[in-house]
Amino acid sequence: QPMRPAIRQLAIKSSEFAIFAIAFLILMNIMG
């Protein structure tokens, strides 16, 4: 995507945090 390198790095880190946070919450729900 056409964006500043700093914003690109922030977007990558934010998406990574969001993906694994959602995975953790789903896992906790599956384990009860």
Full PDB file with SEQRES, HELIX, SHEET, SSBOND, CRYST1, ORIGX, SCALE, CONECT and MASTER records, all heavy atoms in Angstrom:
SEQRES   1 A   32  GLN PRO MET ARG PRO ALA ILE ARG GLN LEU ALA ILE LYS          
SEQRES   2 A   32  SER SER GLU PHE ALA ILE PHE ALA ILE ALA PHE LEU ILE          
SEQRES   3 A   32  LEU MET ASN ILE MET GLY                                      
HELIX    1 AA1 PRO A    5  MET A   31  1                                  27    
CRYST1    1.000    1.000    1.000  90.00  90.00  90.00 P 1           1          
ORIGX1      1.000000  0.000000  0.000000        0.00000                         
ORIGX2      0.000000  1.000000  0.000000        0.00000                         
ORIGX3      0.000000  0.000000  1.000000        0.00000                         
SCALE1      1.000000  0.000000  0.000000        0.00000                         
SCALE2      0.000000  1.000000  0.000000        0.00000                         
SCALE3      0.000000  0.000000  1.000000        0.00000                         
ATOM      1  N   GLN A   1       0.823  -1.203   0.000  1.00  0.00           N  
ATOM      2  CA  GLN A   1       0.000   0.000   0.000  1.00  0.00           C  
ATOM      3  C   GLN A   1       0.859   1.256   0.000  1.00  0.00           C  
ATOM      4  O   GLN A   1       1.929   1.300   0.610  1.00  0.00           O  
ATOM      5  CB  GLN A   1      -0.933   0.010   1.219  1.00  0.00           C  
ATOM      6  CG  GLN A   1      -1.826  -1.214   1.305  1.00  0.00           C  
ATOM      7  CD  GLN A   1      -2.593  -1.479   0.029  1.00  0.00           C  
ATOM      8  OE1 GLN A   1      -3.282  -0.593  -0.481  1.00  0.00           O  
ATOM      9  NE2 GLN A   1      -2.470  -2.695  -0.484  1.00  0.00           N  
ATOM     10  N   PRO A   2       0.409   2.304  -0.715  1.00  0.00           N  
ATOM     11  CA  PRO A   2       1.176   3.563  -0.749  1.00  0.00           C  
ATOM     12  C   PRO A   2       0.995   4.354   0.546  1.00  0.00           C  
ATOM     13  O   PRO A   2      -0.013   5.033   0.738  1.00  0.00           O  
ATOM     14  CB  PRO A   2       0.560   4.301  -1.950  1.00  0.00           C  
ATOM     15  CG  PRO A   2      -0.841   3.767  -2.045  1.00  0.00           C  
ATOM     16  CD  PRO A   2      -0.779   2.343  -1.585  1.00  0.00           C  
ATOM     17  N   MET A   3       1.945   4.260   1.442  1.00  0.00           N  
ATOM     18  CA  MET A   3       1.900   5.004   2.698  1.00  0.00           C  
ATOM     19  C   MET A   3       3.319   5.226   3.197  1.00  0.00           C  
ATOM     20  O   MET A   3       4.276   4.597   2.712  1.00  0.00           O  
ATOM     21  CB  MET A   3       1.063   4.260   3.754  1.00  0.00           C  
ATOM     22  CG  MET A   3       1.553   2.866   4.069  1.00  0.00           C  
ATOM     23  SD  MET A   3       0.545   2.020   5.330  1.00  0.00           S  
ATOM     24  CE  MET A   3      -0.968   1.752   4.454  1.00  0.00           C  
ATOM     25  N   ARG A   4       3.455   6.127   4.135  1.00  0.00           N  
ATOM     26  CA  ARG A   4       4.778   6.391   4.698  1.00  0.00           C  
ATOM     27  C   ARG A   4       5.321   5.148   5.395  1.00  0.00           C  
ATOM     28  O   ARG A   4       4.560   4.388   5.995  1.00  0.00           O  
ATOM     29  CB  ARG A   4       4.711   7.547   5.693  1.00  0.00           C  
ATOM     30  CG  ARG A   4       4.498   8.894   5.026  1.00  0.00           C  
ATOM     31  CD  ARG A   4       4.776  10.046   5.976  1.00  0.00           C  
ATOM     32  NE  ARG A   4       3.808  10.100   7.048  1.00  0.00           N  
ATOM     33  CZ  ARG A   4       4.107   9.921   8.336  1.00  0.00           C  
ATOM     34  NH1 ARG A   4       5.328   9.643   8.697  1.00  0.00           N  
ATOM     35  NH2 ARG A   4       3.172  10.019   9.256  1.00  0.00           N  
ATOM     36  N   PRO A   5       6.638   4.918   5.309  1.00  0.00           N  
ATOM     37  CA  PRO A   5       7.212   3.720   5.945  1.00  0.00           C  
ATOM     38  C   PRO A   5       6.863   3.599   7.418  1.00  0.00           C  
ATOM     39  O   PRO A   5       6.614   2.500   7.914  1.00  0.00           O  
ATOM     40  CB  PRO A   5       8.722   3.897   5.728  1.00  0.00           C  
ATOM     41  CG  PRO A   5       8.838   4.752   4.509  1.00  0.00           C  
ATOM     42  CD  PRO A   5       7.656   5.676   4.560  1.00  0.00           C  
ATOM     43  N   ALA A   6       6.846   4.732   8.144  1.00  0.00           N  
ATOM     44  CA  ALA A   6       6.542   4.665   9.576  1.00  0.00           C  
ATOM     45  C   ALA A   6       5.102   4.213   9.813  1.00  0.00           C  
ATOM     46  O   ALA A   6       4.835   3.373  10.672  1.00  0.00           O  
ATOM     47  CB  ALA A   6       6.776   6.030  10.219  1.00  0.00           C  
ATOM     48  N   ILE A   7       4.163   4.768   9.038  1.00  0.00           N  
ATOM     49  CA  ILE A   7       2.768   4.359   9.170  1.00  0.00           C  
ATOM     50  C   ILE A   7       2.604   2.898   8.758  1.00  0.00           C  
ATOM     51  O   ILE A   7       1.825   2.148   9.354  1.00  0.00           O  
ATOM     52  CB  ILE A   7       1.861   5.268   8.323  1.00  0.00           C  
ATOM     53  CG1 ILE A   7       1.967   6.731   8.823  1.00  0.00           C  
ATOM     54  CG2 ILE A   7       0.421   4.807   8.386  1.00  0.00           C  
ATOM     55  CD1 ILE A   7       1.510   6.924  10.238  1.00  0.00           C  
ATOM     56  N   ARG A   8       3.356   2.489   7.748  1.00  0.00           N  
ATOM     57  CA  ARG A   8       3.286   1.093   7.312  1.00  0.00           C  
ATOM     58  C   ARG A   8       3.727   0.163   8.430  1.00  0.00           C  
ATOM     59  O   ARG A   8       3.087  -0.865   8.692  1.00  0.00           O  
ATOM     60  CB  ARG A   8       4.139   0.897   6.067  1.00  0.00           C  
ATOM     61  CG  ARG A   8       4.042  -0.520   5.480  1.00  0.00           C  
ATOM     62  CD  ARG A   8       4.923  -0.691   4.259  1.00  0.00           C  
ATOM     63  NE  ARG A   8       4.477   0.137   3.158  1.00  0.00           N  
ATOM     64  CZ  ARG A   8       5.148   1.178   2.670  1.00  0.00           C  
ATOM     65  NH1 ARG A   8       6.325   1.503   3.206  1.00  0.00           N  
ATOM     66  NH2 ARG A   8       4.682   1.873   1.665  1.00  0.00           N  
ATOM     67  N   GLN A   9       4.836   0.494   9.094  1.00  0.00           N  
ATOM     68  CA  GLN A   9       5.318  -0.336  10.200  1.00  0.00           C  
ATOM     69  C   GLN A   9       4.307  -0.372  11.345  1.00  0.00           C  
ATOM     70  O   GLN A   9       4.067  -1.423  11.953  1.00  0.00           O  
ATOM     71  CB  GLN A   9       6.665   0.202  10.704  1.00  0.00           C  
ATOM     72  CG  GLN A   9       7.818   0.026   9.733  1.00  0.00           C  
ATOM     73  CD  GLN A   9       8.155  -1.427   9.506  1.00  0.00           C  
ATOM     74  OE1 GLN A   9       8.101  -2.248  10.423  1.00  0.00           O  
ATOM     75  NE2 GLN A   9       8.509  -1.772   8.280  1.00  0.00           N  
ATOM     76  N   LEU A  10       3.694   0.769  11.633  1.00  0.00           N  
ATOM     77  CA  LEU A  10       2.692   0.823  12.700  1.00  0.00           C  
ATOM     78  C   LEU A  10       1.476  -0.025  12.341  1.00  0.00           C  
ATOM     79  O   LEU A  10       0.935  -0.741  13.193  1.00  0.00           O  
ATOM     80  CB  LEU A  10       2.281   2.272  12.949  1.00  0.00           C  
ATOM     81  CG  LEU A  10       1.216   2.496  14.033  1.00  0.00           C  
ATOM     82  CD1 LEU A  10       1.714   1.999  15.377  1.00  0.00           C  
ATOM     83  CD2 LEU A  10       0.832   3.969  14.108  1.00  0.00           C  
ATOM     84  N   ALA A  11       1.051   0.038  11.080  1.00  0.00           N  
ATOM     85  CA  ALA A  11      -0.096  -0.760  10.651  1.00  0.00           C  
ATOM     86  C   ALA A  11       0.209  -2.250  10.750  1.00  0.00           C  
ATOM     87  O   ALA A  11      -0.643  -3.049  11.166  1.00  0.00           O  
ATOM     88  CB  ALA A  11      -0.487  -0.386   9.220  1.00  0.00           C  
ATOM     89  N   ILE A  12       1.421  -2.644  10.385  1.00  0.00           N  
ATOM     90  CA  ILE A  12       1.803  -4.062  10.457  1.00  0.00           C  
ATOM     91  C   ILE A  12       1.795  -4.534  11.909  1.00  0.00           C  
ATOM     92  O   ILE A  12       1.270  -5.607  12.237  1.00  0.00           O  
ATOM     93  CB  ILE A  12       3.178  -4.269   9.805  1.00  0.00           C  
ATOM     94  CG1 ILE A  12       3.083  -4.075   8.287  1.00  0.00           C  
ATOM     95  CG2 ILE A  12       3.723  -5.664  10.116  1.00  0.00           C  
ATOM     96  CD1 ILE A  12       4.417  -4.110   7.580  1.00  0.00           C  
ATOM     97  N   LYS A  13       2.384  -3.744  12.797  1.00  0.00           N  
ATOM     98  CA  LYS A  13       2.428  -4.129  14.211  1.00  0.00           C  
ATOM     99  C   LYS A  13       1.027  -4.158  14.820  1.00  0.00           C  
ATOM    100  O   LYS A  13       0.713  -5.047  15.623  1.00  0.00           O  
ATOM    101  CB  LYS A  13       3.319  -3.150  14.986  1.00  0.00           C  
ATOM    102  CG  LYS A  13       4.797  -3.194  14.593  1.00  0.00           C  
ATOM    103  CD  LYS A  13       5.422  -4.535  14.921  1.00  0.00           C  
ATOM    104  CE  LYS A  13       6.899  -4.565  14.588  1.00  0.00           C  
ATOM    105  NZ  LYS A  13       7.492  -5.901  14.817  1.00  0.00           N  
ATOM    106  N   SER A  14       0.179  -3.195  14.437  1.00  0.00           N  
ATOM    107  CA  SER A  14      -1.179  -3.149  14.988  1.00  0.00           C  
ATOM    108  C   SER A  14      -1.989  -4.355  14.530  1.00  0.00           C  
ATOM    109  O   SER A  14      -2.719  -4.963  15.324  1.00  0.00           O  
ATOM    110  CB  SER A  14      -1.871  -1.853  14.560  1.00  0.00           C  
ATOM    111  OG  SER A  14      -1.156  -0.726  15.037  1.00  0.00           O  
ATOM    112  N   SER A  15      -1.866  -4.702  13.245  1.00  0.00           N  
ATOM    113  CA  SER A  15      -2.599  -5.865  12.748  1.00  0.00           C  
ATOM    114  C   SER A  15      -2.109  -7.150  13.405  1.00  0.00           C  
ATOM    115  O   SER A  15      -2.910  -8.037  13.728  1.00  0.00           O  
ATOM    116  CB  SER A  15      -2.468  -5.965  11.231  1.00  0.00           C  
ATOM    117  OG  SER A  15      -1.128  -6.230  10.851  1.00  0.00           O  
ATOM    118  N   GLU A  16      -0.801  -7.241  13.622  1.00  0.00           N  
ATOM    119  CA  GLU A  16      -0.261  -8.429  14.283  1.00  0.00           C  
ATOM    120  C   GLU A  16      -0.812  -8.558  15.708  1.00  0.00           C  
ATOM    121  O   GLU A  16      -1.227  -9.641  16.139  1.00  0.00           O  
ATOM    122  CB  GLU A  16       1.262  -8.352  14.311  1.00  0.00           C  
ATOM    123  CG  GLU A  16       1.934  -9.536  14.984  1.00  0.00           C  
ATOM    124  CD  GLU A  16       3.443  -9.415  14.998  1.00  0.00           C  
ATOM    125  OE1 GLU A  16       3.960  -8.383  14.522  1.00  0.00           O  
ATOM    126  OE2 GLU A  16       4.106 -10.348  15.476  1.00  0.00           O  
ATOM    127  N   PHE A  17      -0.827  -7.443  16.447  1.00  0.00           N  
ATOM    128  CA  PHE A  17      -1.350  -7.462  17.814  1.00  0.00           C  
ATOM    129  C   PHE A  17      -2.831  -7.823  17.821  1.00  0.00           C  
ATOM    130  O   PHE A  17      -3.287  -8.638  18.643  1.00  0.00           O  
ATOM    131  CB  PHE A  17      -1.130  -6.089  18.463  1.00  0.00           C  
ATOM    132  CG  PHE A  17      -1.723  -5.970  19.843  1.00  0.00           C  
ATOM    133  CD1 PHE A  17      -1.068  -6.498  20.943  1.00  0.00           C  
ATOM    134  CD2 PHE A  17      -2.949  -5.336  20.043  1.00  0.00           C  
ATOM    135  CE1 PHE A  17      -1.617  -6.399  22.215  1.00  0.00           C  
ATOM    136  CE2 PHE A  17      -3.499  -5.232  21.295  1.00  0.00           C  
ATOM    137  CZ  PHE A  17      -2.825  -5.764  22.390  1.00  0.00           C  
ATOM    138  N   ALA A  18      -3.604  -7.251  16.894  1.00  0.00           N  
ATOM    139  CA  ALA A  18      -5.045  -7.519  16.857  1.00  0.00           C  
ATOM    140  C   ALA A  18      -5.331  -8.980  16.517  1.00  0.00           C  
ATOM    141  O   ALA A  18      -6.202  -9.613  17.123  1.00  0.00           O  
ATOM    142  CB  ALA A  18      -5.719  -6.594  15.830  1.00  0.00           C  
ATOM    143  N   ILE A  19      -4.587  -9.535  15.568  1.00  0.00           N  
ATOM    144  CA  ILE A  19      -4.815 -10.928  15.144  1.00  0.00           C  
ATOM    145  C   ILE A  19      -4.566 -11.880  16.301  1.00  0.00           C  
ATOM    146  O   ILE A  19      -5.387 -12.769  16.600  1.00  0.00           O  
ATOM    147  CB  ILE A  19      -3.932 -11.266  13.933  1.00  0.00           C  
ATOM    148  CG1 ILE A  19      -4.459 -10.558  12.676  1.00  0.00           C  
ATOM    149  CG2 ILE A  19      -3.886 -12.778  13.691  1.00  0.00           C  
ATOM    150  CD1 ILE A  19      -3.526 -10.642  11.491  1.00  0.00           C  
ATOM    151  N   PHE A  20      -3.437 -11.725  16.988  1.00  0.00           N  
ATOM    152  CA  PHE A  20      -3.113 -12.660  18.059  1.00  0.00           C  
ATOM    153  C   PHE A  20      -3.950 -12.413  19.309  1.00  0.00           C  
ATOM    154  O   PHE A  20      -4.201 -13.339  20.085  1.00  0.00           O  
ATOM    155  CB  PHE A  20      -1.621 -12.602  18.377  1.00  0.00           C  
ATOM    156  CG  PHE A  20      -0.778 -13.296  17.349  1.00  0.00           C  
ATOM    157  CD1 PHE A  20      -0.076 -12.580  16.399  1.00  0.00           C  
ATOM    158  CD2 PHE A  20      -0.695 -14.677  17.317  1.00  0.00           C  
ATOM    159  CE1 PHE A  20       0.691 -13.218  15.437  1.00  0.00           C  
ATOM    160  CE2 PHE A  20       0.068 -15.331  16.367  1.00  0.00           C  
ATOM    161  CZ  PHE A  20       0.762 -14.604  15.423  1.00  0.00           C  
ATOM    162  N   ALA A  21      -4.404 -11.169  19.514  1.00  0.00           N  
ATOM    163  CA  ALA A  21      -5.318 -10.914  20.636  1.00  0.00           C  
ATOM    164  C   ALA A  21      -6.657 -11.610  20.408  1.00  0.00           C  
ATOM    165  O   ALA A  21      -7.216 -12.233  21.319  1.00  0.00           O  
ATOM    166  CB  ALA A  21      -5.517  -9.403  20.806  1.00  0.00           C  
ATOM    167  N   ILE A  22      -7.161 -11.537  19.191  1.00  0.00           N  
ATOM    168  CA  ILE A  22      -8.418 -12.224  18.867  1.00  0.00           C  
ATOM    169  C   ILE A  22      -8.244 -13.737  19.005  1.00  0.00           C  
ATOM    170  O   ILE A  22      -9.123 -14.436  19.530  1.00  0.00           O  
ATOM    171  CB  ILE A  22      -8.875 -11.845  17.448  1.00  0.00           C  
ATOM    172  CG1 ILE A  22      -9.274 -10.361  17.401  1.00  0.00           C  
ATOM    173  CG2 ILE A  22     -10.034 -12.719  16.999  1.00  0.00           C  
ATOM    174  CD1 ILE A  22      -9.556  -9.845  16.019  1.00  0.00           C  
ATOM    175  N   ALA A  23      -7.104 -14.257  18.538  1.00  0.00           N  
ATOM    176  CA  ALA A  23      -6.843 -15.702  18.650  1.00  0.00           C  
ATOM    177  C   ALA A  23      -6.807 -16.131  20.118  1.00  0.00           C  
ATOM    178  O   ALA A  23      -7.343 -17.192  20.479  1.00  0.00           O  
ATOM    179  CB  ALA A  23      -5.527 -16.050  17.954  1.00  0.00           C  
ATOM    180  N   PHE A  24      -6.204 -15.304  20.977  1.00  0.00           N  
ATOM    181  CA  PHE A  24      -6.134 -15.632  22.403  1.00  0.00           C  
ATOM    182  C   PHE A  24      -7.521 -15.640  23.040  1.00  0.00           C  
ATOM    183  O   PHE A  24      -7.852 -16.544  23.813  1.00  0.00           O  
ATOM    184  CB  PHE A  24      -5.226 -14.622  23.105  1.00  0.00           C  
ATOM    185  CG  PHE A  24      -5.150 -14.823  24.593  1.00  0.00           C  
ATOM    186  CD1 PHE A  24      -4.390 -15.842  25.136  1.00  0.00           C  
ATOM    187  CD2 PHE A  24      -5.858 -13.984  25.447  1.00  0.00           C  
ATOM    188  CE1 PHE A  24      -4.329 -16.031  26.512  1.00  0.00           C  
ATOM    189  CE2 PHE A  24      -5.795 -14.159  26.823  1.00  0.00           C  
ATOM    190  CZ  PHE A  24      -5.025 -15.194  27.354  1.00  0.00           C  
ATOM    191  N   LEU A  25      -8.355 -14.652  22.710  1.00  0.00           N  
ATOM    192  CA  LEU A  25      -9.708 -14.592  23.274  1.00  0.00           C  
ATOM    193  C   LEU A  25     -10.547 -15.782  22.815  1.00  0.00           C  
ATOM    194  O   LEU A  25     -11.299 -16.365  23.604  1.00  0.00           O  
ATOM    195  CB  LEU A  25     -10.380 -13.278  22.869  1.00  0.00           C  
ATOM    196  CG  LEU A  25      -9.770 -11.998  23.463  1.00  0.00           C  
ATOM    197  CD1 LEU A  25     -10.480 -10.772  22.922  1.00  0.00           C  
ATOM    198  CD2 LEU A  25      -9.823 -12.025  24.983  1.00  0.00           C  
ATOM    199  N   ILE A  26     -10.420 -16.147  21.537  1.00  0.00           N  
ATOM    200  CA  ILE A  26     -11.162 -17.317  21.044  1.00  0.00           C  
ATOM    201  C   ILE A  26     -10.702 -18.579  21.758  1.00  0.00           C  
ATOM    202  O   ILE A  26     -11.506 -19.448  22.126  1.00  0.00           O  
ATOM    203  CB  ILE A  26     -10.989 -17.451  19.516  1.00  0.00           C  
ATOM    204  CG1 ILE A  26     -11.645 -16.272  18.801  1.00  0.00           C  
ATOM    205  CG2 ILE A  26     -11.579 -18.765  19.015  1.00  0.00           C  
ATOM    206  CD1 ILE A  26     -11.402 -16.248  17.307  1.00  0.00           C  
ATOM    207  N   LEU A  27      -9.396 -18.695  21.987  1.00  0.00           N  
ATOM    208  CA  LEU A  27      -8.860 -19.877  22.667  1.00  0.00           C  
ATOM    209  C   LEU A  27      -9.386 -19.964  24.090  1.00  0.00           C  
ATOM    210  O   LEU A  27      -9.749 -21.060  24.566  1.00  0.00           O  
ATOM    211  CB  LEU A  27      -7.333 -19.822  22.667  1.00  0.00           C  
ATOM    212  CG  LEU A  27      -6.611 -20.962  23.392  1.00  0.00           C  
ATOM    213  CD1 LEU A  27      -6.969 -22.299  22.764  1.00  0.00           C  
ATOM    214  CD2 LEU A  27      -5.112 -20.739  23.385  1.00  0.00           C  
ATOM    215  N   MET A  28      -9.434 -18.840  24.798  1.00  0.00           N  
ATOM    216  CA  MET A  28      -9.964 -18.857  26.155  1.00  0.00           C  
ATOM    217  C   MET A  28     -11.433 -19.280  26.173  1.00  0.00           C  
ATOM    218  O   MET A  28     -11.876 -20.015  27.058  1.00  0.00           O  
ATOM    219  CB  MET A  28      -9.823 -17.457  26.789  1.00  0.00           C  
ATOM    220  CG  MET A  28      -8.397 -17.011  27.036  1.00  0.00           C  
ATOM    221  SD  MET A  28      -7.511 -18.078  28.194  1.00  0.00           S  
ATOM    222  CE  MET A  28      -6.532 -19.074  27.044  1.00  0.00           C  
ATOM    223  N   ASN A  29     -12.179 -18.836  25.168  1.00  0.00           N  
ATOM    224  CA  ASN A  29     -13.589 -19.222  25.088  1.00  0.00           C  
ATOM    225  C   ASN A  29     -13.734 -20.708  24.791  1.00  0.00           C  
ATOM    226  O   ASN A  29     -14.616 -21.385  25.351  1.00  0.00           O  
ATOM    227  CB  ASN A  29     -14.273 -18.387  24.002  1.00  0.00           C  
ATOM    228  CG  ASN A  29     -15.768 -18.620  23.949  1.00  0.00           C  
ATOM    229  OD1 ASN A  29     -16.435 -18.574  24.963  1.00  0.00           O  
ATOM    230  ND2 ASN A  29     -16.279 -18.891  22.761  1.00  0.00           N  
ATOM    231  N   ILE A  30     -12.873 -21.241  23.915  1.00  0.00           N  
ATOM    232  CA  ILE A  30     -12.938 -22.678  23.600  1.00  0.00           C  
ATOM    233  C   ILE A  30     -12.603 -23.516  24.824  1.00  0.00           C  
ATOM    234  O   ILE A  30     -13.230 -24.552  25.080  1.00  0.00           O  
ATOM    235  CB  ILE A  30     -11.977 -22.993  22.430  1.00  0.00           C  
ATOM    236  CG1 ILE A  30     -12.496 -22.369  21.134  1.00  0.00           C  
ATOM    237  CG2 ILE A  30     -11.808 -24.504  22.249  1.00  0.00           C  
ATOM    238  CD1 ILE A  30     -11.557 -22.505  19.972  1.00  0.00           C  
ATOM    239  N   MET A  31     -11.623 -23.080  25.611  1.00  0.00           N  
ATOM    240  CA  MET A  31     -11.225 -23.835  26.796  1.00  0.00           C  
ATOM    241  C   MET A  31     -12.208 -23.674  27.947  1.00  0.00           C  
ATOM    242  O   MET A  31     -12.105 -24.378  28.952  1.00  0.00           O  
ATOM    243  CB  MET A  31      -9.826 -23.401  27.248  1.00  0.00           C  
ATOM    244  CG  MET A  31      -8.711 -23.772  26.280  1.00  0.00           C  
ATOM    245  SD  MET A  31      -7.075 -23.309  26.888  1.00  0.00           S  
ATOM    246  CE  MET A  31      -6.941 -24.373  28.338  1.00  0.00           C  
ATOM    247  N   GLY A  32     -13.138 -22.738  27.825  1.00  0.00           N  
ATOM    248  CA  GLY A  32     -14.119 -22.534  28.877  1.00  0.00           C  
ATOM    249  C   GLY A  32     -13.584 -21.783  30.069  1.00  0.00           C  
ATOM    250  O   GLY A  32     -14.125 -21.905  31.182  1.00  0.00           O  
TER     251      GLY A  32                                                      
MASTER        0    0    0    1    0    0    0    6  250    1    0    3          
END                                                                             
